[in-house]
Amino acid sequence: MRNPKLVPYETIVRATNGEPEAVDEVLRHYSKQIRIAAIENGHIDRDTEDSIKQRLVTALFKFRFDEQKV
C-alpha cells in the first residue's frame, strides 16, 4: 500500500530525468510546505517562494540514485 504523503518513486525518477509533468507534480506536492516556508511577517513572500521552488528543481536535476527495483 502506498503512502499518500510521499511522491511516488516513479514520479521522482521521471522528474530527475527532466520530464516537465513530473517536475510540476513534485512542485504541486510540496506547494503547501513551500508556501508555509515562504511566509515573512504574516505574508507569503513571492521571491522567497520562487527561490525555494528553484532550489527544489535544481536539487531534482542533481539527484542521482541506483535504479534498483523496490
PDB file of N, CA and C in Angstrom:
ATOM      1  N   MET A   1       0.838  -1.177   0.000  1.00  0.00           N
ATOM      2  CA  MET A   1       0.000   0.000   0.000  1.00  0.00           C
ATOM      3  C   MET A   1       0.887   1.246   0.000  1.00  0.00           C
ATOM      4  N   ARG A   2       0.569   2.218  -0.839  1.00  0.00           N
ATOM      5  CA  ARG A   2       1.368   3.429  -0.964  1.00  0.00           C
ATOM      6  C   ARG A   2       0.989   4.451   0.094  1.00  0.00           C
ATOM      7  N   ASN A   3       1.984   5.226   0.497  1.00  0.00           N
ATOM      8  CA  ASN A   3       1.767   6.309   1.434  1.00  0.00           C
ATOM      9  C   ASN A   3       1.400   7.555   0.634  1.00  0.00           C
ATOM     10  N   PRO A   4       0.190   8.089   0.802  1.00  0.00           N
ATOM     11  CA  PRO A   4      -0.238   9.247   0.009  1.00  0.00           C
ATOM     12  C   PRO A   4       0.540  10.525   0.324  1.00  0.00           C
ATOM     13  N   LYS A   5       1.288  10.535   1.420  1.00  0.00           N
ATOM     14  CA  LYS A   5       2.064  11.719   1.785  1.00  0.00           C
ATOM     15  C   LYS A   5       3.394  11.793   1.043  1.00  0.00           C
ATOM     16  N   LEU A   6       3.746  10.724   0.324  1.00  0.00           N
ATOM     17  CA  LEU A   6       5.015  10.683  -0.393  1.00  0.00           C
ATOM     18  C   LEU A   6       4.789  10.816  -1.893  1.00  0.00           C
ATOM     19  N   VAL A   7       5.765  11.420  -2.554  1.00  0.00           N
ATOM     20  CA  VAL A   7       5.732  11.465  -4.013  1.00  0.00           C
ATOM     21  C   VAL A   7       6.088  10.064  -4.503  1.00  0.00           C
ATOM     22  N   PRO A   8       5.327   9.495  -5.428  1.00  0.00           N
ATOM     23  CA  PRO A   8       5.641   8.150  -5.919  1.00  0.00           C
ATOM     24  C   PRO A   8       7.054   8.071  -6.505  1.00  0.00           C
ATOM     25  N   TYR A   9       7.698   6.943  -6.284  1.00  0.00           N
ATOM     26  CA  TYR A   9       9.064   6.710  -6.768  1.00  0.00           C
ATOM     27  C   TYR A   9       9.170   6.965  -8.268  1.00  0.00           C
ATOM     28  N   GLU A  10       8.197   6.482  -9.022  1.00  0.00           N
ATOM     29  CA  GLU A  10       8.217   6.638 -10.474  1.00  0.00           C
ATOM     30  C   GLU A  10       8.220   8.111 -10.870  1.00  0.00           C
ATOM     31  N   THR A  11       7.493   8.928 -10.119  1.00  0.00           N
ATOM     32  CA  THR A  11       7.441  10.361 -10.398  1.00  0.00           C
ATOM     33  C   THR A  11       8.800  11.002 -10.148  1.00  0.00           C
ATOM     34  N   ILE A  12       9.461  10.603  -9.071  1.00  0.00           N
ATOM     35  CA  ILE A  12      10.795  11.132  -8.771  1.00  0.00           C
ATOM     36  C   ILE A  12      11.765  10.764  -9.887  1.00  0.00           C
ATOM     37  N   VAL A  13      11.710   9.528 -10.344  1.00  0.00           N
ATOM     38  CA  VAL A  13      12.599   9.088 -11.430  1.00  0.00           C
ATOM     39  C   VAL A  13      12.346   9.925 -12.676  1.00  0.00           C
ATOM     40  N   ARG A  14      11.075  10.104 -13.031  1.00  0.00           N
ATOM     41  CA  ARG A  14      10.748  10.899 -14.221  1.00  0.00           C
ATOM     42  C   ARG A  14      11.178  12.351 -14.051  1.00  0.00           C
ATOM     43  N   ALA A  15      11.004  12.905 -12.857  1.00  0.00           N
ATOM     44  CA  ALA A  15      11.394  14.298 -12.604  1.00  0.00           C
ATOM     45  C   ALA A  15      12.904  14.479 -12.698  1.00  0.00           C
ATOM     46  N   THR A  16      13.666  13.534 -12.176  1.00  0.00           N
ATOM     47  CA  THR A  16      15.128  13.649 -12.248  1.00  0.00           C
ATOM     48  C   THR A  16      15.623  13.506 -13.680  1.00  0.00           C
ATOM     49  N   ASN A  17      14.812  12.901 -14.536  1.00  0.00           N
ATOM     50  CA  ASN A  17      15.151  12.794 -15.957  1.00  0.00           C
ATOM     51  C   ASN A  17      14.672  14.006 -16.753  1.00  0.00           C
ATOM     52  N   GLY A  18      14.072  14.982 -16.064  1.00  0.00           N
ATOM     53  CA  GLY A  18      13.686  16.235 -16.701  1.00  0.00           C
ATOM     54  C   GLY A  18      12.309  16.272 -17.329  1.00  0.00           C
ATOM     55  N   GLU A  19      11.463  15.324 -17.003  1.00  0.00           N
ATOM     56  CA  GLU A  19      10.112  15.305 -17.565  1.00  0.00           C
ATOM     57  C   GLU A  19       9.278  16.425 -16.924  1.00  0.00           C
ATOM     58  N   PRO A  20       8.840  17.417 -17.713  1.00  0.00           N
ATOM     59  CA  PRO A  20       8.150  18.593 -17.159  1.00  0.00           C
ATOM     60  C   PRO A  20       6.916  18.264 -16.317  1.00  0.00           C
ATOM     61  N   GLU A  21       6.119  17.286 -16.750  1.00  0.00           N
ATOM     62  CA  GLU A  21       4.906  16.942 -15.998  1.00  0.00           C
ATOM     63  C   GLU A  21       5.255  16.398 -14.616  1.00  0.00           C
ATOM     64  N   ALA A  22       6.319  15.617 -14.542  1.00  0.00           N
ATOM     65  CA  ALA A  22       6.738  15.048 -13.259  1.00  0.00           C
ATOM     66  C   ALA A  22       7.290  16.135 -12.341  1.00  0.00           C
ATOM     67  N   VAL A  23       8.055  17.070 -12.904  1.00  0.00           N
ATOM     68  CA  VAL A  23       8.584  18.184 -12.107  1.00  0.00           C
ATOM     69  C   VAL A  23       7.419  18.995 -11.550  1.00  0.00           C
ATOM     70  N   ASP A  24       6.412  19.272 -12.382  1.00  0.00           N
ATOM     71  CA  ASP A  24       5.227  20.001 -11.916  1.00  0.00           C
ATOM     72  C   ASP A  24       4.502  19.244 -10.814  1.00  0.00           C
ATOM     73  N   GLU A  25       4.433  17.933 -10.948  1.00  0.00           N
ATOM     74  CA  GLU A  25       3.773  17.113  -9.923  1.00  0.00           C
ATOM     75  C   GLU A  25       4.510  17.218  -8.587  1.00  0.00           C
ATOM     76  N   VAL A  26       5.838  17.200  -8.628  1.00  0.00           N
ATOM     77  CA  VAL A  26       6.637  17.341  -7.404  1.00  0.00           C
ATOM     78  C   VAL A  26       6.402  18.724  -6.791  1.00  0.00           C
ATOM     79  N   LEU A  27       6.419  19.765  -7.618  1.00  0.00           N
ATOM     80  CA  LEU A  27       6.178  21.120  -7.113  1.00  0.00           C
ATOM     81  C   LEU A  27       4.780  21.243  -6.509  1.00  0.00           C
ATOM     82  N   ARG A  28       3.782  20.646  -7.148  1.00  0.00           N
ATOM     83  CA  ARG A  28       2.416  20.676  -6.599  1.00  0.00           C
ATOM     84  C   ARG A  28       2.347  19.944  -5.266  1.00  0.00           C
ATOM     85  N   HIS A  29       3.050  18.811  -5.188  1.00  0.00           N
ATOM     86  CA  HIS A  29       3.038  18.016  -3.961  1.00  0.00           C
ATOM     87  C   HIS A  29       3.575  18.823  -2.776  1.00  0.00           C
ATOM     88  N   TYR A  30       4.618  19.602  -3.009  1.00  0.00           N
ATOM     89  CA  TYR A  30       5.258  20.354  -1.935  1.00  0.00           C
ATOM     90  C   TYR A  30       4.796  21.808  -1.852  1.00  0.00           C
ATOM     91  N   SER A  31       3.806  22.198  -2.636  1.00  0.00           N
ATOM     92  CA  SER A  31       3.403  23.602  -2.696  1.00  0.00           C
ATOM     93  C   SER A  31       2.970  24.163  -1.339  1.00  0.00           C
ATOM     94  N   LYS A  32       2.249  23.382  -0.556  1.00  0.00           N
ATOM     95  CA  LYS A  32       1.791  23.875   0.748  1.00  0.00           C
ATOM     96  C   LYS A  32       2.972  24.125   1.682  1.00  0.00           C
ATOM     97  N   GLN A  33       3.909  23.180   1.733  1.00  0.00           N
ATOM     98  CA  GLN A  33       5.084  23.348   2.586  1.00  0.00           C
ATOM     99  C   GLN A  33       5.943  24.522   2.113  1.00  0.00           C
ATOM    100  N   ILE A  34       6.037  24.698   0.797  1.00  0.00           N
ATOM    101  CA  ILE A  34       6.822  25.805   0.249  1.00  0.00           C
ATOM    102  C   ILE A  34       6.194  27.133   0.653  1.00  0.00           C
ATOM    103  N   ARG A  35       4.885  27.229   0.535  1.00  0.00           N
ATOM    104  CA  ARG A  35       4.205  28.483   0.913  1.00  0.00           C
ATOM    105  C   ARG A  35       4.370  28.783   2.400  1.00  0.00           C
ATOM    106  N   ILE A  36       4.275  27.773   3.230  1.00  0.00           N
ATOM    107  CA  ILE A  36       4.463  27.979   4.671  1.00  0.00           C
ATOM    108  C   ILE A  36       5.879  28.464   4.949  1.00  0.00           C
ATOM    109  N   ALA A  37       6.860  27.868   4.282  1.00  0.00           N
ATOM    110  CA  ALA A  37       8.255  28.266   4.480  1.00  0.00           C
ATOM    111  C   ALA A  37       8.528  29.671   3.953  1.00  0.00           C
ATOM    112  N   ALA A  38       7.704  30.157   3.021  1.00  0.00           N
ATOM    113  CA  ALA A  38       7.919  31.466   2.406  1.00  0.00           C
ATOM    114  C   ALA A  38       7.199  32.598   3.141  1.00  0.00           C
ATOM    115  N   ILE A  39       6.561  32.293   4.252  1.00  0.00           N
ATOM    116  CA  ILE A  39       5.846  33.331   4.998  1.00  0.00           C
ATOM    117  C   ILE A  39       6.841  34.204   5.758  1.00  0.00           C
ATOM    118  N   GLU A  40       6.722  35.509   5.516  1.00  0.00           N
ATOM    119  CA  GLU A  40       7.524  36.501   6.239  1.00  0.00           C
ATOM    120  C   GLU A  40       6.581  37.597   6.710  1.00  0.00           C
ATOM    121  N   ASN A  41       6.619  37.899   7.984  1.00  0.00           N
ATOM    122  CA  ASN A  41       5.756  38.914   8.579  1.00  0.00           C
ATOM    123  C   ASN A  41       4.275  38.662   8.286  1.00  0.00           C
ATOM    124  N   GLY A  42       3.879  37.402   8.296  1.00  0.00           N
ATOM    125  CA  GLY A  42       2.484  37.046   8.112  1.00  0.00           C
ATOM    126  C   GLY A  42       2.003  37.003   6.674  1.00  0.00           C
ATOM    127  N   HIS A  43       2.888  37.258   5.720  1.00  0.00           N
ATOM    128  CA  HIS A  43       2.518  37.254   4.305  1.00  0.00           C
ATOM    129  C   HIS A  43       3.469  36.359   3.521  1.00  0.00           C
ATOM    130  N   ILE A  44       2.959  35.790   2.450  1.00  0.00           N
ATOM    131  CA  ILE A  44       3.807  34.950   1.598  1.00  0.00           C
ATOM    132  C   ILE A  44       4.701  35.855   0.764  1.00  0.00           C
ATOM    133  N   ASP A  45       5.995  35.672   0.909  1.00  0.00           N
ATOM    134  CA  ASP A  45       6.973  36.421   0.122  1.00  0.00           C
ATOM    135  C   ASP A  45       7.190  35.655  -1.180  1.00  0.00           C
ATOM    136  N   ARG A  46       6.741  36.222  -2.287  1.00  0.00           N
ATOM    137  CA  ARG A  46       6.811  35.540  -3.592  1.00  0.00           C
ATOM    138  C   ARG A  46       8.251  35.279  -4.021  1.00  0.00           C
ATOM    139  N   ASP A  47       9.169  36.200  -3.693  1.00  0.00           N
ATOM    140  CA  ASP A  47      10.575  35.983  -4.051  1.00  0.00           C
ATOM    141  C   ASP A  47      11.134  34.771  -3.312  1.00  0.00           C
ATOM    142  N   THR A  48      10.796  34.652  -2.034  1.00  0.00           N
ATOM    143  CA  THR A  48      11.246  33.505  -1.248  1.00  0.00           C
ATOM    144  C   THR A  48      10.615  32.223  -1.776  1.00  0.00           C
ATOM    145  N   GLU A  49       9.332  32.283  -2.104  1.00  0.00           N
ATOM    146  CA  GLU A  49       8.636  31.117  -2.655  1.00  0.00           C
ATOM    147  C   GLU A  49       9.301  30.666  -3.962  1.00  0.00           C
ATOM    148  N   ASP A  50       9.583  31.618  -4.849  1.00  0.00           N
ATOM    149  CA  ASP A  50      10.243  31.288  -6.120  1.00  0.00           C
ATOM    150  C   ASP A  50      11.637  30.718  -5.898  1.00  0.00           C
ATOM    151  N   SER A  51      12.349  31.261  -4.921  1.00  0.00           N
ATOM    152  CA  SER A  51      13.699  30.777  -4.615  1.00  0.00           C
ATOM    153  C   SER A  51      13.666  29.329  -4.121  1.00  0.00           C
ATOM    154  N   ILE A  52      12.714  29.019  -3.260  1.00  0.00           N
ATOM    155  CA  ILE A  52      12.583  27.651  -2.742  1.00  0.00           C
ATOM    156  C   ILE A  52      12.241  26.691  -3.880  1.00  0.00           C
ATOM    157  N   LYS A  53      11.318  27.093  -4.747  1.00  0.00           N
ATOM    158  CA  LYS A  53      10.949  26.242  -5.886  1.00  0.00           C
ATOM    159  C   LYS A  53      12.150  26.003  -6.792  1.00  0.00           C
ATOM    160  N   GLN A  54      12.919  27.063  -7.051  1.00  0.00           N
ATOM    161  CA  GLN A  54      14.092  26.929  -7.911  1.00  0.00           C
ATOM    162  C   GLN A  54      15.114  25.981  -7.295  1.00  0.00           C
ATOM    163  N   ARG A  55      15.325  26.081  -5.983  1.00  0.00           N
ATOM    164  CA  ARG A  55      16.269  25.175  -5.312  1.00  0.00           C
ATOM    165  C   ARG A  55      15.782  23.729  -5.357  1.00  0.00           C
ATOM    166  N   LEU A  56      14.474  23.521  -5.250  1.00  0.00           N
ATOM    167  CA  LEU A  56      13.922  22.167  -5.339  1.00  0.00           C
ATOM    168  C   LEU A  56      14.143  21.583  -6.732  1.00  0.00           C
ATOM    169  N   VAL A  57      13.873  22.367  -7.768  1.00  0.00           N
ATOM    170  CA  VAL A  57      14.072  21.896  -9.142  1.00  0.00           C
ATOM    171  C   VAL A  57      15.552  21.612  -9.397  1.00  0.00           C
ATOM    172  N   THR A  58      16.431  22.488  -8.925  1.00  0.00           N
ATOM    173  CA  THR A  58      17.874  22.276  -9.080  1.00  0.00           C
ATOM    174  C   THR A  58      18.299  20.984  -8.394  1.00  0.00           C
ATOM    175  N   ALA A  59      17.779  20.749  -7.195  1.00  0.00           N
ATOM    176  CA  ALA A  59      18.119  19.524  -6.462  1.00  0.00           C
ATOM    177  C   ALA A  59      17.605  18.283  -7.195  1.00  0.00           C
ATOM    178  N   LEU A  60      16.436  18.389  -7.811  1.00  0.00           N
ATOM    179  CA  LEU A  60      15.896  17.253  -8.572  1.00  0.00           C
ATOM    180  C   LEU A  60      16.839  16.858  -9.702  1.00  0.00           C
ATOM    181  N   PHE A  61      17.353  17.849 -10.413  1.00  0.00           N
ATOM    182  CA  PHE A  61      18.217  17.552 -11.554  1.00  0.00           C
ATOM    183  C   PHE A  61      19.597  17.068 -11.134  1.00  0.00           C
ATOM    184  N   LYS A  62      20.010  17.392  -9.918  1.00  0.00           N
ATOM    185  CA  LYS A  62      21.305  16.922  -9.412  1.00  0.00           C
ATOM    186  C   LYS A  62      21.197  15.541  -8.770  1.00  0.00           C
ATOM    187  N   PHE A  63      19.987  15.159  -8.393  1.00  0.00           N
ATOM    188  CA  PHE A  63      19.770  13.920  -7.645  1.00  0.00           C
ATOM    189  C   PHE A  63      20.105  12.703  -8.495  1.00  0.00           C
ATOM    190  N   ARG A  64      20.916  11.820  -7.954  1.00  0.00           N
ATOM    191  CA  ARG A  64      21.275  10.571  -8.627  1.00  0.00           C
ATOM    192  C   ARG A  64      21.093   9.423  -7.642  1.00  0.00           C
ATOM    193  N   PHE A  65      20.654   8.287  -8.134  1.00  0.00           N
ATOM    194  CA  PHE A  65      20.451   7.121  -7.291  1.00  0.00           C
ATOM    195  C   PHE A  65      20.566   5.874  -8.139  1.00  0.00           C
ATOM    196  N   ASP A  66      20.776   4.778  -7.481  1.00  0.00           N
ATOM    197  CA  ASP A  66      20.792   3.495  -8.168  1.00  0.00           C
ATOM    198  C   ASP A  66      19.352   3.115  -8.459  1.00  0.00           C
ATOM    199  N   GLU A  67      19.058   2.840  -9.695  1.00  0.00           N
ATOM    200  CA  GLU A  67      17.687   2.487 -10.073  1.00  0.00           C
ATOM    201  C   GLU A  67      17.437   1.009  -9.826  1.00  0.00           C
ATOM    202  N   GLN A  68      17.334   0.672  -8.552  1.00  0.00           N
ATOM    203  CA  GLN A  68      17.035  -0.698  -8.157  1.00  0.00           C
ATOM    204  C   GLN A  68      15.541  -0.798  -7.930  1.00  0.00           C
ATOM    205  N   LYS A  69      14.960  -1.846  -8.416  1.00  0.00           N
ATOM    206  CA  LYS A  69      13.520  -2.049  -8.212  1.00  0.00           C
ATOM    207  C   LYS A  69      13.277  -2.415  -6.761  1.00  0.00           C
ATOM    208  N   VAL A  70      12.287  -1.765  -6.173  1.00  0.00           N
ATOM    209  CA  VAL A  70      11.961  -1.996  -4.772  1.00  0.00           C
ATOM    210  C   VAL A  70      10.891  -3.040  -4.667  1.00  0.00           C
TER     211      VAL A  70
END
